[in-house]
């Protein structure tokens, strides 16, 4: 089901005024990827990018077209791990956070 424009605008407005929400959005996207839910992870990261720096700025940083980067995070996108992790690293730097992976025993 596609997100409505109102929903996307709501996410963007909240992300712009609430740093904790922005960080949680970025964290959620990465956690989804690590959990194997790649489609949701890409969608959440796409929403995060749209709500923060935008694909135009990202395209200038990585020397790739914004359309290529949008496709990478789109439903049919299949980004190379090196590109995906480079973007995640950049987003962390821009947000001023460092996400960590911690192992825990499952019951």
N, C-alpha and C. Protein backbone atom coordinates (compact mmCIF):
# COMPACT_ATOMS: atom_id res chain seq x y z
N UNK A 1 0.84 -1.18 0.00
CA UNK A 1 0.00 0.00 0.00
C UNK A 1 0.89 1.24 0.00
N UNK A 2 0.65 2.13 -0.90
CA UNK A 2 1.45 3.35 -1.02
C UNK A 2 1.09 4.33 0.09
N UNK A 3 2.11 5.06 0.51
CA UNK A 3 1.87 6.09 1.53
C UNK A 3 1.26 7.32 0.86
N UNK A 4 0.38 7.97 1.57
CA UNK A 4 -0.23 9.18 1.03
C UNK A 4 0.70 10.36 1.20
N UNK A 5 0.47 11.39 0.43
CA UNK A 5 1.27 12.60 0.53
C UNK A 5 1.15 13.21 1.93
N UNK A 6 -0.07 13.18 2.50
CA UNK A 6 -0.27 13.71 3.84
C UNK A 6 0.61 13.00 4.86
N UNK A 7 0.68 11.67 4.74
CA UNK A 7 1.50 10.90 5.67
C UNK A 7 2.97 11.28 5.53
N UNK A 8 3.45 11.37 4.30
CA UNK A 8 4.85 11.75 4.07
C UNK A 8 5.13 13.15 4.59
N UNK A 9 4.19 14.06 4.39
CA UNK A 9 4.35 15.43 4.91
C UNK A 9 4.40 15.43 6.43
N UNK A 10 3.59 14.58 7.05
CA UNK A 10 3.57 14.47 8.51
C UNK A 10 4.91 13.96 9.03
N UNK A 11 5.44 12.94 8.36
CA UNK A 11 6.75 12.39 8.75
C UNK A 11 7.82 13.47 8.62
N UNK A 12 7.81 14.18 7.51
CA UNK A 12 8.81 15.22 7.28
C UNK A 12 8.70 16.34 8.31
N UNK A 13 7.51 16.78 8.61
CA UNK A 13 7.33 17.85 9.59
C UNK A 13 7.80 17.41 10.97
N UNK A 14 7.46 16.20 11.36
CA UNK A 14 7.89 15.71 12.67
C UNK A 14 9.41 15.56 12.73
N UNK A 15 10.00 15.05 11.67
CA UNK A 15 11.45 14.86 11.64
C UNK A 15 12.18 16.19 11.73
N UNK A 16 11.62 17.22 11.14
CA UNK A 16 12.27 18.52 11.17
C UNK A 16 12.22 19.18 12.54
N UNK A 17 11.19 18.87 13.32
CA UNK A 17 11.07 19.53 14.63
C UNK A 17 11.49 18.65 15.81
N UNK A 18 11.69 17.34 15.58
CA UNK A 18 11.93 16.41 16.68
C UNK A 18 13.18 15.57 16.43
N UNK A 19 14.33 15.98 16.98
CA UNK A 19 15.58 15.24 16.77
C UNK A 19 15.50 13.78 17.24
N UNK A 20 14.78 13.53 18.31
CA UNK A 20 14.66 12.15 18.81
C UNK A 20 13.91 11.28 17.80
N UNK A 21 12.90 11.84 17.15
CA UNK A 21 12.16 11.11 16.13
C UNK A 21 13.06 10.80 14.94
N UNK A 22 13.86 11.78 14.52
CA UNK A 22 14.79 11.58 13.40
C UNK A 22 15.74 10.43 13.71
N UNK A 23 16.33 10.45 14.89
CA UNK A 23 17.27 9.40 15.27
C UNK A 23 16.60 8.04 15.32
N UNK A 24 15.38 8.01 15.85
CA UNK A 24 14.64 6.75 15.94
C UNK A 24 14.29 6.22 14.54
N UNK A 25 13.99 7.11 13.62
CA UNK A 25 13.68 6.71 12.25
C UNK A 25 14.91 6.08 11.59
N UNK A 26 16.05 6.71 11.75
CA UNK A 26 17.29 6.17 11.20
C UNK A 26 17.61 4.82 11.84
N UNK A 27 17.49 4.74 13.15
CA UNK A 27 17.76 3.50 13.86
C UNK A 27 16.81 2.39 13.41
N UNK A 28 15.55 2.71 13.27
CA UNK A 28 14.55 1.72 12.84
C UNK A 28 14.88 1.18 11.45
N UNK A 29 15.28 2.05 10.55
CA UNK A 29 15.63 1.61 9.20
C UNK A 29 16.78 0.62 9.21
N UNK A 30 17.81 0.92 9.98
CA UNK A 30 18.97 0.03 10.06
C UNK A 30 18.60 -1.28 10.76
N UNK A 31 17.81 -1.20 11.83
CA UNK A 31 17.40 -2.41 12.53
C UNK A 31 16.58 -3.33 11.62
N UNK A 32 15.73 -2.76 10.79
CA UNK A 32 14.96 -3.57 9.85
C UNK A 32 15.88 -4.30 8.88
N UNK A 33 16.89 -3.57 8.37
CA UNK A 33 17.85 -4.20 7.47
C UNK A 33 18.56 -5.37 8.15
N UNK A 34 19.02 -5.14 9.37
CA UNK A 34 19.75 -6.18 10.10
C UNK A 34 18.86 -7.38 10.44
N UNK A 35 17.58 -7.14 10.59
CA UNK A 35 16.64 -8.21 10.90
C UNK A 35 16.21 -8.98 9.65
N UNK A 36 16.69 -8.54 8.49
CA UNK A 36 16.36 -9.22 7.25
C UNK A 36 15.15 -8.66 6.53
N UNK A 37 14.55 -7.62 7.07
CA UNK A 37 13.40 -6.99 6.43
C UNK A 37 13.91 -5.83 5.56
N UNK A 38 14.53 -6.21 4.46
CA UNK A 38 15.21 -5.24 3.59
C UNK A 38 14.24 -4.23 2.99
N UNK A 39 13.08 -4.68 2.55
CA UNK A 39 12.13 -3.77 1.92
C UNK A 39 11.68 -2.67 2.89
N UNK A 40 11.34 -3.07 4.12
CA UNK A 40 10.93 -2.07 5.11
C UNK A 40 12.09 -1.17 5.48
N UNK A 41 13.28 -1.75 5.65
CA UNK A 41 14.46 -0.95 5.98
C UNK A 41 14.74 0.11 4.94
N UNK A 42 14.69 -0.27 3.67
CA UNK A 42 14.91 0.70 2.60
C UNK A 42 13.83 1.77 2.61
N UNK A 43 12.58 1.38 2.84
CA UNK A 43 11.48 2.34 2.85
C UNK A 43 11.63 3.35 3.99
N UNK A 44 12.01 2.86 5.16
CA UNK A 44 12.19 3.76 6.31
C UNK A 44 13.38 4.70 6.05
N UNK A 45 14.46 4.17 5.50
CA UNK A 45 15.62 5.03 5.20
C UNK A 45 15.27 6.05 4.11
N UNK A 46 14.46 5.64 3.15
CA UNK A 46 14.02 6.58 2.11
C UNK A 46 13.20 7.72 2.73
N UNK A 47 12.30 7.36 3.64
CA UNK A 47 11.52 8.39 4.34
C UNK A 47 12.44 9.30 5.15
N UNK A 48 13.43 8.72 5.82
CA UNK A 48 14.39 9.51 6.61
C UNK A 48 15.14 10.49 5.70
N UNK A 49 15.63 10.00 4.58
CA UNK A 49 16.39 10.85 3.66
C UNK A 49 15.50 11.98 3.14
N UNK A 50 14.29 11.64 2.71
CA UNK A 50 13.37 12.66 2.22
C UNK A 50 13.04 13.70 3.29
N UNK A 51 12.97 13.28 4.54
CA UNK A 51 12.59 14.18 5.63
C UNK A 51 13.77 14.99 6.15
N UNK A 52 14.98 14.63 5.78
CA UNK A 52 16.15 15.33 6.32
C UNK A 52 16.96 15.98 5.20
N UNK A 53 17.99 15.32 4.74
CA UNK A 53 18.91 15.96 3.80
C UNK A 53 18.42 15.95 2.36
N UNK A 54 17.59 14.99 2.00
CA UNK A 54 17.09 14.90 0.63
C UNK A 54 18.05 14.19 -0.30
N UNK A 55 17.52 13.68 -1.38
CA UNK A 55 18.33 12.91 -2.33
C UNK A 55 19.24 13.79 -3.17
N UNK A 56 18.91 15.07 -3.32
CA UNK A 56 19.79 15.96 -4.08
C UNK A 56 21.13 16.13 -3.37
N UNK A 57 21.10 16.40 -2.06
CA UNK A 57 22.35 16.54 -1.31
C UNK A 57 23.11 15.23 -1.31
N UNK A 58 22.41 14.13 -1.12
CA UNK A 58 23.05 12.82 -1.11
C UNK A 58 23.72 12.55 -2.45
N UNK A 59 23.10 12.96 -3.53
CA UNK A 59 23.69 12.74 -4.86
C UNK A 59 24.99 13.52 -5.03
N UNK A 60 25.05 14.72 -4.45
CA UNK A 60 26.28 15.51 -4.54
C UNK A 60 27.40 14.87 -3.71
N UNK A 61 27.06 14.33 -2.56
CA UNK A 61 28.05 13.71 -1.69
C UNK A 61 28.65 12.47 -2.34
N UNK A 62 27.81 11.64 -2.96
CA UNK A 62 28.27 10.36 -3.50
C UNK A 62 28.54 10.36 -5.00
N UNK A 63 28.31 11.49 -5.65
CA UNK A 63 28.60 11.57 -7.08
C UNK A 63 27.72 10.64 -7.91
N UNK A 64 26.51 10.41 -7.44
CA UNK A 64 25.55 9.59 -8.17
C UNK A 64 24.31 10.44 -8.41
N UNK A 65 23.56 10.11 -9.43
CA UNK A 65 22.35 10.89 -9.68
C UNK A 65 21.34 10.65 -8.56
N UNK A 66 20.54 11.67 -8.29
CA UNK A 66 19.53 11.54 -7.24
C UNK A 66 18.52 10.45 -7.62
N UNK A 67 18.22 10.32 -8.91
CA UNK A 67 17.28 9.29 -9.35
C UNK A 67 17.84 7.90 -9.11
N UNK A 68 19.14 7.74 -9.30
CA UNK A 68 19.78 6.45 -9.03
C UNK A 68 19.70 6.10 -7.55
N UNK A 69 19.94 7.10 -6.70
CA UNK A 69 19.85 6.87 -5.26
C UNK A 69 18.41 6.59 -4.84
N UNK A 70 17.45 7.28 -5.44
CA UNK A 70 16.04 7.02 -5.12
C UNK A 70 15.65 5.59 -5.51
N UNK A 71 16.13 5.15 -6.68
CA UNK A 71 15.85 3.78 -7.11
C UNK A 71 16.48 2.78 -6.13
N UNK A 72 17.69 3.09 -5.66
CA UNK A 72 18.40 2.21 -4.74
C UNK A 72 17.56 1.93 -3.49
N UNK A 73 16.86 2.95 -3.00
CA UNK A 73 16.03 2.81 -1.80
C UNK A 73 14.56 2.54 -2.13
N UNK A 74 14.27 2.36 -3.40
CA UNK A 74 12.90 2.08 -3.82
C UNK A 74 12.54 0.62 -3.64
N UNK A 75 11.28 0.28 -3.86
CA UNK A 75 10.80 -1.08 -3.64
C UNK A 75 11.53 -2.15 -4.45
N UNK A 76 11.96 -1.81 -5.65
CA UNK A 76 12.67 -2.77 -6.49
C UNK A 76 14.18 -2.58 -6.46
N UNK A 77 14.64 -1.63 -5.66
CA UNK A 77 16.07 -1.35 -5.59
C UNK A 77 16.84 -2.50 -4.95
N UNK A 78 18.05 -2.70 -5.44
CA UNK A 78 18.91 -3.75 -4.92
C UNK A 78 20.32 -3.16 -4.75
N UNK A 79 20.50 -2.33 -3.71
CA UNK A 79 21.77 -1.64 -3.57
C UNK A 79 22.92 -2.58 -3.21
N UNK A 80 24.10 -2.25 -3.72
CA UNK A 80 25.30 -2.98 -3.29
C UNK A 80 25.54 -2.65 -1.82
N UNK A 81 26.06 -3.60 -1.10
CA UNK A 81 26.32 -3.41 0.33
C UNK A 81 27.23 -2.20 0.54
N UNK A 82 28.24 -2.04 -0.30
CA UNK A 82 29.17 -0.92 -0.12
C UNK A 82 28.45 0.42 -0.25
N UNK A 83 27.53 0.54 -1.19
CA UNK A 83 26.76 1.78 -1.34
C UNK A 83 25.81 1.99 -0.18
N UNK A 84 25.12 0.94 0.21
CA UNK A 84 24.15 1.04 1.31
C UNK A 84 24.84 1.45 2.61
N UNK A 85 25.94 0.81 2.94
CA UNK A 85 26.62 1.14 4.19
C UNK A 85 27.32 2.49 4.14
N UNK A 86 27.75 2.91 2.96
CA UNK A 86 28.33 4.26 2.84
C UNK A 86 27.25 5.32 3.12
N UNK A 87 26.05 5.10 2.61
CA UNK A 87 24.95 6.04 2.85
C UNK A 87 24.59 6.05 4.34
N UNK A 88 24.49 4.86 4.94
CA UNK A 88 24.15 4.77 6.36
C UNK A 88 25.21 5.48 7.20
N UNK A 89 26.47 5.30 6.86
CA UNK A 89 27.54 5.98 7.60
C UNK A 89 27.40 7.50 7.48
N UNK A 90 27.12 7.98 6.28
CA UNK A 90 26.96 9.42 6.07
C UNK A 90 25.76 9.95 6.86
N UNK A 91 24.65 9.21 6.85
CA UNK A 91 23.46 9.65 7.59
C UNK A 91 23.75 9.73 9.08
N UNK A 92 24.50 8.77 9.60
CA UNK A 92 24.87 8.81 11.01
C UNK A 92 25.70 10.06 11.32
N UNK A 93 26.66 10.35 10.46
CA UNK A 93 27.51 11.53 10.66
C UNK A 93 26.67 12.80 10.66
N UNK A 94 25.74 12.89 9.72
CA UNK A 94 24.89 14.08 9.62
C UNK A 94 23.99 14.23 10.84
N UNK A 95 23.56 13.09 11.38
CA UNK A 95 22.67 13.11 12.55
C UNK A 95 23.46 13.26 13.85
N UNK A 96 24.77 13.04 13.77
CA UNK A 96 25.61 13.15 14.97
C UNK A 96 25.45 11.97 15.91
N UNK A 97 25.20 10.79 15.34
CA UNK A 97 25.06 9.59 16.16
C UNK A 97 25.93 8.48 15.60
N UNK A 98 26.13 7.46 16.41
CA UNK A 98 26.84 6.26 15.98
C UNK A 98 26.00 5.07 16.42
N UNK A 99 25.46 4.35 15.46
CA UNK A 99 24.65 3.17 15.77
C UNK A 99 25.58 1.99 16.01
N UNK A 100 25.24 1.18 17.01
CA UNK A 100 26.04 0.00 17.34
C UNK A 100 25.18 -1.25 17.26
N UNK A 101 25.83 -2.34 16.94
CA UNK A 101 25.17 -3.64 16.95
C UNK A 101 25.64 -4.36 18.20
N UNK A 102 24.70 -4.88 18.97
CA UNK A 102 25.02 -5.65 20.16
C UNK A 102 24.40 -7.02 20.06
N UNK A 103 25.17 -8.03 20.39
CA UNK A 103 24.65 -9.39 20.36
C UNK A 103 23.94 -9.69 21.67
N UNK A 104 22.85 -10.44 21.56
CA UNK A 104 22.14 -10.90 22.74
C UNK A 104 21.61 -12.28 22.49
N UNK A 105 21.56 -13.05 23.52
CA UNK A 105 21.07 -14.42 23.42
C UNK A 105 19.57 -14.42 23.22
N UNK A 106 19.08 -15.24 22.30
CA UNK A 106 17.64 -15.35 22.10
C UNK A 106 17.12 -16.52 22.95
N UNK A 107 15.95 -16.31 23.48
CA UNK A 107 15.37 -17.34 24.36
C UNK A 107 14.83 -18.50 23.57
